[in-house]
Amino acid sequence: MTQYNDIVEKRRIYLASEEWGNGVKMHYVCSETNDSHEYGNGYFIYYNNGRVEKIHGTKITIVQKANSIEQVMDDYEVAHAGQ
C-alpha cells in the first residue's frame, strides 16, 4: 500500500492549501490621506490565496482574483515549512 503515499500526501496538501488559501491574510484601510494604494481608497481584505476584495457599504468587489491552486499549494508549503 505504500505505492499510494505520494498521491495521498499531494491530496492532503491540496485540501490543506485550499482551506488555508481562503483564510484572511490582512485587512487594509486606505483613506484619502494615504492614496498610495493601487486599488484606490476603501476597505480591503487580502486572502492567503492572493484574492483581494474591496468592501464599500454592502458591495463587495473582487479587485484581484485568486492565484492558481498550484501557486497556493506552493505558498502554503512555504508558509508551513519546518512545522
PDB file of N, CA and C in Angstrom:
ATOM      1  N   MET A   1       0.797  -1.198   0.000  1.00  0.00           N
ATOM      2  CA  MET A   1       0.000   0.000   0.000  1.00  0.00           C
ATOM      3  C   MET A   1       0.849   1.275   0.000  1.00  0.00           C
ATOM      4  N   THR A   2       2.134   1.147   0.132  1.00  0.00           N
ATOM      5  CA  THR A   2       2.989   2.341   0.175  1.00  0.00           C
ATOM      6  C   THR A   2       3.095   3.023  -1.185  1.00  0.00           C
ATOM      7  N   GLN A   3       2.635   2.383  -2.245  1.00  0.00           N
ATOM      8  CA  GLN A   3       2.706   2.996  -3.571  1.00  0.00           C
ATOM      9  C   GLN A   3       1.772   4.202  -3.682  1.00  0.00           C
ATOM     10  N   TYR A   4       0.845   4.350  -2.748  1.00  0.00           N
ATOM     11  CA  TYR A   4      -0.102   5.457  -2.789  1.00  0.00           C
ATOM     12  C   TYR A   4       0.289   6.616  -1.870  1.00  0.00           C
ATOM     13  N   ASN A   5       1.403   6.506  -1.155  1.00  0.00           N
ATOM     14  CA  ASN A   5       1.808   7.548  -0.218  1.00  0.00           C
ATOM     15  C   ASN A   5       1.948   8.915  -0.876  1.00  0.00           C
ATOM     16  N   ASP A   6       2.559   8.982  -2.043  1.00  0.00           N
ATOM     17  CA  ASP A   6       2.752  10.264  -2.733  1.00  0.00           C
ATOM     18  C   ASP A   6       1.416  10.884  -3.147  1.00  0.00           C
ATOM     19  N   ILE A   7       0.508  10.030  -3.632  1.00  0.00           N
ATOM     20  CA  ILE A   7      -0.805  10.523  -4.062  1.00  0.00           C
ATOM     21  C   ILE A   7      -1.585  11.050  -2.864  1.00  0.00           C
ATOM     22  N   VAL A   8      -1.555  10.330  -1.774  1.00  0.00           N
ATOM     23  CA  VAL A   8      -2.272  10.736  -0.564  1.00  0.00           C
ATOM     24  C   VAL A   8      -1.673  12.021  -0.001  1.00  0.00           C
ATOM     25  N   GLU A   9      -0.361  12.126   0.024  1.00  0.00           N
ATOM     26  CA  GLU A   9       0.295  13.331   0.538  1.00  0.00           C
ATOM     27  C   GLU A   9      -0.030  14.551  -0.321  1.00  0.00           C
ATOM     28  N   LYS A  10      -0.029  14.392  -1.636  1.00  0.00           N
ATOM     29  CA  LYS A  10      -0.357  15.511  -2.521  1.00  0.00           C
ATOM     30  C   LYS A  10      -1.804  15.948  -2.310  1.00  0.00           C
ATOM     31  N   ARG A  11      -2.700  15.012  -2.128  1.00  0.00           N
ATOM     32  CA  ARG A  11      -4.110  15.341  -1.879  1.00  0.00           C
ATOM     33  C   ARG A  11      -4.270  16.034  -0.529  1.00  0.00           C
ATOM     34  N   ARG A  12      -3.528  15.600   0.479  1.00  0.00           N
ATOM     35  CA  ARG A  12      -3.571  16.229   1.794  1.00  0.00           C
ATOM     36  C   ARG A  12      -3.135  17.685   1.688  1.00  0.00           C
ATOM     37  N   ILE A  13      -2.045  17.929   0.951  1.00  0.00           N
ATOM     38  CA  ILE A  13      -1.543  19.293   0.769  1.00  0.00           C
ATOM     39  C   ILE A  13      -2.548  20.121  -0.029  1.00  0.00           C
ATOM     40  N   TYR A  14      -3.154  19.523  -1.031  1.00  0.00           N
ATOM     41  CA  TYR A  14      -4.169  20.223  -1.836  1.00  0.00           C
ATOM     42  C   TYR A  14      -5.315  20.711  -0.951  1.00  0.00           C
ATOM     43  N   LEU A  15      -5.864  19.828  -0.130  1.00  0.00           N
ATOM     44  CA  LEU A  15      -7.001  20.184   0.718  1.00  0.00           C
ATOM     45  C   LEU A  15      -6.611  21.210   1.777  1.00  0.00           C
ATOM     46  N   ALA A  16      -5.444  21.024   2.382  1.00  0.00           N
ATOM     47  CA  ALA A  16      -4.977  21.976   3.393  1.00  0.00           C
ATOM     48  C   ALA A  16      -4.706  23.339   2.765  1.00  0.00           C
ATOM     49  N   SER A  17      -4.158  23.357   1.566  1.00  0.00           N
ATOM     50  CA  SER A  17      -3.868  24.609   0.864  1.00  0.00           C
ATOM     51  C   SER A  17      -5.144  25.350   0.511  1.00  0.00           C
ATOM     52  N   GLU A  18      -6.141  24.603   0.086  1.00  0.00           N
ATOM     53  CA  GLU A  18      -7.421  25.209  -0.270  1.00  0.00           C
ATOM     54  C   GLU A  18      -8.044  25.892   0.947  1.00  0.00           C
ATOM     55  N   GLU A  19      -8.036  25.217   2.081  1.00  0.00           N
ATOM     56  CA  GLU A  19      -8.588  25.796   3.311  1.00  0.00           C
ATOM     57  C   GLU A  19      -7.760  26.996   3.772  1.00  0.00           C
ATOM     58  N   TRP A  20      -6.435  26.856   3.770  1.00  0.00           N
ATOM     59  CA  TRP A  20      -5.537  27.942   4.175  1.00  0.00           C
ATOM     60  C   TRP A  20      -5.692  29.147   3.249  1.00  0.00           C
ATOM     61  N   GLY A  21      -5.824  28.905   1.950  1.00  0.00           N
ATOM     62  CA  GLY A  21      -5.931  29.977   0.965  1.00  0.00           C
ATOM     63  C   GLY A  21      -7.151  30.849   1.158  1.00  0.00           C
ATOM     64  N   ASN A  22      -8.224  30.290   1.692  1.00  0.00           N
ATOM     65  CA  ASN A  22      -9.445  31.060   1.921  1.00  0.00           C
ATOM     66  C   ASN A  22      -9.399  31.854   3.223  1.00  0.00           C
ATOM     67  N   GLY A  23      -8.301  31.699   3.977  1.00  0.00           N
ATOM     68  CA  GLY A  23      -8.132  32.463   5.205  1.00  0.00           C
ATOM     69  C   GLY A  23      -7.680  33.887   4.915  1.00  0.00           C
ATOM     70  N   VAL A  24      -8.007  34.784   5.832  1.00  0.00           N
ATOM     71  CA  VAL A  24      -7.657  36.197   5.666  1.00  0.00           C
ATOM     72  C   VAL A  24      -6.189  36.412   6.024  1.00  0.00           C
ATOM     73  N   LYS A  25      -5.478  37.057   5.134  1.00  0.00           N
ATOM     74  CA  LYS A  25      -4.080  37.400   5.360  1.00  0.00           C
ATOM     75  C   LYS A  25      -3.978  38.728   6.098  1.00  0.00           C
ATOM     76  N   MET A  26      -4.743  39.718   5.624  1.00  0.00           N
ATOM     77  CA  MET A  26      -4.753  41.010   6.307  1.00  0.00           C
ATOM     78  C   MET A  26      -5.948  41.845   5.864  1.00  0.00           C
ATOM     79  N   HIS A  27      -6.255  42.835   6.701  1.00  0.00           N
ATOM     80  CA  HIS A  27      -7.252  43.855   6.392  1.00  0.00           C
ATOM     81  C   HIS A  27      -6.481  45.137   6.143  1.00  0.00           C
ATOM     82  N   TYR A  28      -6.963  45.949   5.223  1.00  0.00           N
ATOM     83  CA  TYR A  28      -6.252  47.171   4.876  1.00  0.00           C
ATOM     84  C   TYR A  28      -7.271  48.271   4.602  1.00  0.00           C
ATOM     85  N   VAL A  29      -7.059  49.417   5.237  1.00  0.00           N
ATOM     86  CA  VAL A  29      -7.918  50.568   5.009  1.00  0.00           C
ATOM     87  C   VAL A  29      -7.067  51.667   4.404  1.00  0.00           C
ATOM     88  N   CYS A  30      -7.512  52.194   3.304  1.00  0.00           N
ATOM     89  CA  CYS A  30      -6.782  53.254   2.618  1.00  0.00           C
ATOM     90  C   CYS A  30      -7.679  54.485   2.573  1.00  0.00           C
ATOM     91  N   SER A  31      -7.218  55.562   3.204  1.00  0.00           N
ATOM     92  CA  SER A  31      -8.002  56.790   3.230  1.00  0.00           C
ATOM     93  C   SER A  31      -7.453  57.777   2.206  1.00  0.00           C
ATOM     94  N   GLU A  32      -8.106  58.890   2.091  1.00  0.00           N
ATOM     95  CA  GLU A  32      -7.682  59.890   1.112  1.00  0.00           C
ATOM     96  C   GLU A  32      -6.327  60.480   1.441  1.00  0.00           C
ATOM     97  N   THR A  33      -5.915  60.415   2.712  1.00  0.00           N
ATOM     98  CA  THR A  33      -4.598  60.935   3.088  1.00  0.00           C
ATOM     99  C   THR A  33      -3.493  59.947   2.726  1.00  0.00           C
ATOM    100  N   ASN A  34      -3.862  58.708   2.470  1.00  0.00           N
ATOM    101  CA  ASN A  34      -2.894  57.675   2.116  1.00  0.00           C
ATOM    102  C   ASN A  34      -3.289  57.114   0.754  1.00  0.00           C
ATOM    103  N   ASP A  35      -3.016  57.835  -0.306  1.00  0.00           N
ATOM    104  CA  ASP A  35      -3.504  57.442  -1.638  1.00  0.00           C
ATOM    105  C   ASP A  35      -2.495  56.605  -2.414  1.00  0.00           C
ATOM    106  N   SER A  36      -1.585  55.940  -1.717  1.00  0.00           N
ATOM    107  CA  SER A  36      -0.573  55.150  -2.413  1.00  0.00           C
ATOM    108  C   SER A  36      -1.073  53.772  -2.822  1.00  0.00           C
ATOM    109  N   HIS A  37      -2.263  53.390  -2.384  1.00  0.00           N
ATOM    110  CA  HIS A  37      -2.786  52.056  -2.685  1.00  0.00           C
ATOM    111  C   HIS A  37      -3.178  51.964  -4.155  1.00  0.00           C
ATOM    112  N   GLU A  38      -2.808  50.881  -4.799  1.00  0.00           N
ATOM    113  CA  GLU A  38      -3.038  50.753  -6.243  1.00  0.00           C
ATOM    114  C   GLU A  38      -4.505  50.574  -6.620  1.00  0.00           C
ATOM    115  N   TYR A  39      -5.372  50.187  -5.679  1.00  0.00           N
ATOM    116  CA  TYR A  39      -6.782  49.957  -5.992  1.00  0.00           C
ATOM    117  C   TYR A  39      -7.671  51.124  -5.589  1.00  0.00           C
ATOM    118  N   GLY A  40      -7.115  52.206  -5.090  1.00  0.00           N
ATOM    119  CA  GLY A  40      -7.896  53.360  -4.664  1.00  0.00           C
ATOM    120  C   GLY A  40      -8.189  53.323  -3.180  1.00  0.00           C
ATOM    121  N   ASN A  41      -9.046  54.217  -2.750  1.00  0.00           N
ATOM    122  CA  ASN A  41      -9.394  54.318  -1.337  1.00  0.00           C
ATOM    123  C   ASN A  41     -10.474  53.319  -0.976  1.00  0.00           C
ATOM    124  N   GLY A  42     -10.471  52.881   0.285  1.00  0.00           N
ATOM    125  CA  GLY A  42     -11.505  51.973   0.754  1.00  0.00           C
ATOM    126  C   GLY A  42     -10.986  50.958   1.736  1.00  0.00           C
ATOM    127  N   TYR A  43     -11.816  49.974   2.015  1.00  0.00           N
ATOM    128  CA  TYR A  43     -11.502  48.881   2.933  1.00  0.00           C
ATOM    129  C   TYR A  43     -11.259  47.626   2.104  1.00  0.00           C
ATOM    130  N   PHE A  44     -10.115  46.990   2.301  1.00  0.00           N
ATOM    131  CA  PHE A  44      -9.715  45.840   1.501  1.00  0.00           C
ATOM    132  C   PHE A  44      -9.450  44.638   2.391  1.00  0.00           C
ATOM    133  N   ILE A  45      -9.771  43.470   1.872  1.00  0.00           N
ATOM    134  CA  ILE A  45      -9.452  42.210   2.544  1.00  0.00           C
ATOM    135  C   ILE A  45      -8.543  41.416   1.617  1.00  0.00           C
ATOM    136  N   TYR A  46      -7.374  41.056   2.117  1.00  0.00           N
ATOM    137  CA  TYR A  46      -6.412  40.250   1.375  1.00  0.00           C
ATOM    138  C   TYR A  46      -6.466  38.824   1.924  1.00  0.00           C
ATOM    139  N   TYR A  47      -6.547  37.854   1.021  1.00  0.00           N
ATOM    140  CA  TYR A  47      -6.601  36.450   1.414  1.00  0.00           C
ATOM    141  C   TYR A  47      -5.269  35.776   1.119  1.00  0.00           C
ATOM    142  N   ASN A  48      -5.025  34.652   1.781  1.00  0.00           N
ATOM    143  CA  ASN A  48      -3.783  33.918   1.587  1.00  0.00           C
ATOM    144  C   ASN A  48      -3.600  33.422   0.158  1.00  0.00           C
ATOM    145  N   ASN A  49      -4.697  33.237  -0.574  1.00  0.00           N
ATOM    146  CA  ASN A  49      -4.605  32.729  -1.941  1.00  0.00           C
ATOM    147  C   ASN A  49      -4.383  33.828  -2.977  1.00  0.00           C
ATOM    148  N   GLY A  50      -4.194  35.069  -2.522  1.00  0.00           N
ATOM    149  CA  GLY A  50      -3.924  36.170  -3.435  1.00  0.00           C
ATOM    150  C   GLY A  50      -5.128  37.004  -3.817  1.00  0.00           C
ATOM    151  N   ARG A  51      -6.331  36.541  -3.486  1.00  0.00           N
ATOM    152  CA  ARG A  51      -7.542  37.288  -3.816  1.00  0.00           C
ATOM    153  C   ARG A  51      -7.602  38.555  -2.964  1.00  0.00           C
ATOM    154  N   VAL A  52      -8.068  39.638  -3.563  1.00  0.00           N
ATOM    155  CA  VAL A  52      -8.255  40.906  -2.854  1.00  0.00           C
ATOM    156  C   VAL A  52      -9.675  41.384  -3.127  1.00  0.00           C
ATOM    157  N   GLU A  53     -10.396  41.702  -2.057  1.00  0.00           N
ATOM    158  CA  GLU A  53     -11.755  42.208  -2.177  1.00  0.00           C
ATOM    159  C   GLU A  53     -11.805  43.626  -1.621  1.00  0.00           C
ATOM    160  N   LYS A  54     -12.573  44.479  -2.273  1.00  0.00           N
ATOM    161  CA  LYS A  54     -12.811  45.843  -1.797  1.00  0.00           C
ATOM    162  C   LYS A  54     -14.246  45.905  -1.293  1.00  0.00           C
ATOM    163  N   ILE A  55     -14.397  46.394  -0.076  1.00  0.00           N
ATOM    164  CA  ILE A  55     -15.715  46.494   0.542  1.00  0.00           C
ATOM    165  C   ILE A  55     -16.130  47.965   0.557  1.00  0.00           C
ATOM    166  N   HIS A  56     -17.308  48.248   0.040  1.00  0.00           N
ATOM    167  CA  HIS A  56     -17.853  49.603   0.066  1.00  0.00           C
ATOM    168  C   HIS A  56     -19.328  49.493   0.412  1.00  0.00           C
ATOM    169  N   GLY A  57     -19.670  49.787   1.657  1.00  0.00           N
ATOM    170  CA  GLY A  57     -21.049  49.605   2.116  1.00  0.00           C
ATOM    171  C   GLY A  57     -21.385  48.131   2.124  1.00  0.00           C
ATOM    172  N   THR A  58     -22.410  47.760   1.377  1.00  0.00           N
ATOM    173  CA  THR A  58     -22.788  46.347   1.270  1.00  0.00           C
ATOM    174  C   THR A  58     -22.268  45.721  -0.019  1.00  0.00           C
ATOM    175  N   LYS A  59     -21.509  46.469  -0.785  1.00  0.00           N
ATOM    176  CA  LYS A  59     -20.996  45.993  -2.069  1.00  0.00           C
ATOM    177  C   LYS A  59     -19.581  45.431  -1.906  1.00  0.00           C
ATOM    178  N   ILE A  60     -19.352  44.250  -2.451  1.00  0.00           N
ATOM    179  CA  ILE A  60     -18.032  43.607  -2.443  1.00  0.00           C
ATOM    180  C   ILE A  60     -17.558  43.503  -3.886  1.00  0.00           C
ATOM    181  N   THR A  61     -16.378  44.042  -4.154  1.00  0.00           N
ATOM    182  CA  THR A  61     -15.797  43.987  -5.488  1.00  0.00           C
ATOM    183  C   THR A  61     -14.498  43.206  -5.425  1.00  0.00           C
ATOM    184  N   ILE A  62     -14.340  42.232  -6.302  1.00  0.00           N
ATOM    185  CA  ILE A  62     -13.089  41.490  -6.378  1.00  0.00           C
ATOM    186  C   ILE A  62     -12.143  42.295  -7.259  1.00  0.00           C
ATOM    187  N   VAL A  63     -11.058  42.786  -6.656  1.00  0.00           N
ATOM    188  CA  VAL A  63     -10.110  43.599  -7.414  1.00  0.00           C
ATOM    189  C   VAL A  63      -8.916  42.781  -7.889  1.00  0.00           C
ATOM    190  N   GLN A  64      -8.739  41.600  -7.304  1.00  0.00           N
ATOM    191  CA  GLN A  64      -7.697  40.676  -7.777  1.00  0.00           C
ATOM    192  C   GLN A  64      -8.188  39.258  -7.550  1.00  0.00           C
ATOM    193  N   LYS A  65      -8.129  38.447  -8.585  1.00  0.00           N
ATOM    194  CA  LYS A  65      -8.565  37.058  -8.484  1.00  0.00           C
ATOM    195  C   LYS A  65      -7.545  36.227  -7.723  1.00  0.00           C
ATOM    196  N   ALA A  66      -8.005  35.089  -7.234  1.00  0.00           N
ATOM    197  CA  ALA A  66      -7.128  34.164  -6.513  1.00  0.00           C
ATOM    198  C   ALA A  66      -6.098  33.555  -7.468  1.00  0.00           C
ATOM    199  N   ASN A  67      -4.962  33.193  -6.906  1.00  0.00           N
ATOM    200  CA  ASN A  67      -3.925  32.505  -7.677  1.00  0.00           C
ATOM    201  C   ASN A  67      -4.392  31.098  -8.028  1.00  0.00           C
ATOM    202  N   SER A  68      -3.675  30.443  -8.905  1.00  0.00           N
ATOM    203  CA  SER A  68      -3.981  29.053  -9.254  1.00  0.00           C
ATOM    204  C   SER A  68      -3.741  28.171  -8.031  1.00  0.00           C
ATOM    205  N   ILE A  69      -4.385  27.017  -7.999  1.00  0.00           N
ATOM    206  CA  ILE A  69      -4.229  26.113  -6.856  1.00  0.00           C
ATOM    207  C   ILE A  69      -2.782  25.647  -6.731  1.00  0.00           C
ATOM    208  N   GLU A  70      -2.084  25.521  -7.838  1.00  0.00           N
ATOM    209  CA  GLU A  70      -0.674  25.128  -7.782  1.00  0.00           C
ATOM    210  C   GLU A  70       0.153  26.186  -7.062  1.00  0.00           C
ATOM    211  N   GLN A  71      -0.124  27.462  -7.351  1.00  0.00           N
ATOM    212  CA  GLN A  71       0.595  28.549  -6.681  1.00  0.00           C
ATOM    213  C   GLN A  71       0.225  28.607  -5.197  1.00  0.00           C
ATOM    214  N   VAL A  72      -1.045  28.392  -4.884  1.00  0.00           N
ATOM    215  CA  VAL A  72      -1.489  28.402  -3.490  1.00  0.00           C
ATOM    216  C   VAL A  72      -0.834  27.252  -2.732  1.00  0.00           C
ATOM    217  N   MET A  73      -0.713  26.089  -3.370  1.00  0.00           N
ATOM    218  CA  MET A  73      -0.042  24.949  -2.733  1.00  0.00           C
ATOM    219  C   MET A  73       1.420  25.277  -2.449  1.00  0.00           C
ATOM    220  N   ASP A  74       2.087  25.909  -3.402  1.00  0.00           N
ATOM    221  CA  ASP A  74       3.482  26.315  -3.190  1.00  0.00           C
ATOM    222  C   ASP A  74       3.579  27.312  -2.038  1.00  0.00           C
ATOM    223  N   ASP A  75       2.694  28.305  -2.014  1.00  0.00           N
ATOM    224  CA  ASP A  75       2.701  29.306  -0.952  1.00  0.00           C
ATOM    225  C   ASP A  75       2.416  28.684   0.400  1.00  0.00           C
ATOM    226  N   TYR A  76       1.487  27.728   0.421  1.00  0.00           N
ATOM    227  CA  TYR A  76       1.142  27.017   1.666  1.00  0.00           C
ATOM    228  C   TYR A  76       2.361  26.265   2.208  1.00  0.00           C
ATOM    229  N   GLU A  77       3.058  25.569   1.317  1.00  0.00           N
ATOM    230  CA  GLU A  77       4.214  24.793   1.761  1.00  0.00           C
ATOM    231  C   GLU A  77       5.324  25.718   2.280  1.00  0.00           C
ATOM    232  N   VAL A  78       5.494  26.871   1.658  1.00  0.00           N
ATOM    233  CA  VAL A  78       6.493  27.832   2.141  1.00  0.00           C
ATOM    234  C   VAL A  78       6.084  28.370   3.513  1.00  0.00           C
ATOM    235  N   ALA A  79       4.805  28.715   3.640  1.00  0.00           N
ATOM    236  CA  ALA A  79       4.302  29.267   4.917  1.00  0.00           C
ATOM    237  C   ALA A  79       4.387  28.264   6.054  1.00  0.00           C
ATOM    238  N   HIS A  80       4.315  26.986   5.741  1.00  0.00           N
ATOM    239  CA  HIS A  80       4.332  25.959   6.775  1.00  0.00           C
ATOM    240  C   HIS A  80       5.619  25.134   6.787  1.00  0.00           C
ATOM    241  N   ALA A  81       6.656  25.621   6.164  1.00  0.00           N
ATOM    242  CA  ALA A  81       7.931  24.899   6.146  1.00  0.00           C
ATOM    243  C   ALA A  81       8.494  24.806   7.561  1.00  0.00           C
ATOM    244  N   GLY A  82       8.991  23.664   7.907  1.00  0.00           N
ATOM    245  CA  GLY A  82       9.597  23.444   9.208  1.00  0.00           C
ATOM    246  C   GLY A  82       8.641  23.177  10.328  1.00  0.00           C
ATOM    247  N   GLN A  83       7.353  23.049  10.021  1.00  0.00           N
ATOM    248  CA  GLN A  83       6.380  22.783  11.096  1.00  0.00           C
ATOM    249  C   GLN A  83       6.074  21.314  11.192  1.00  0.00           C
TER     250      GLN A  83
END
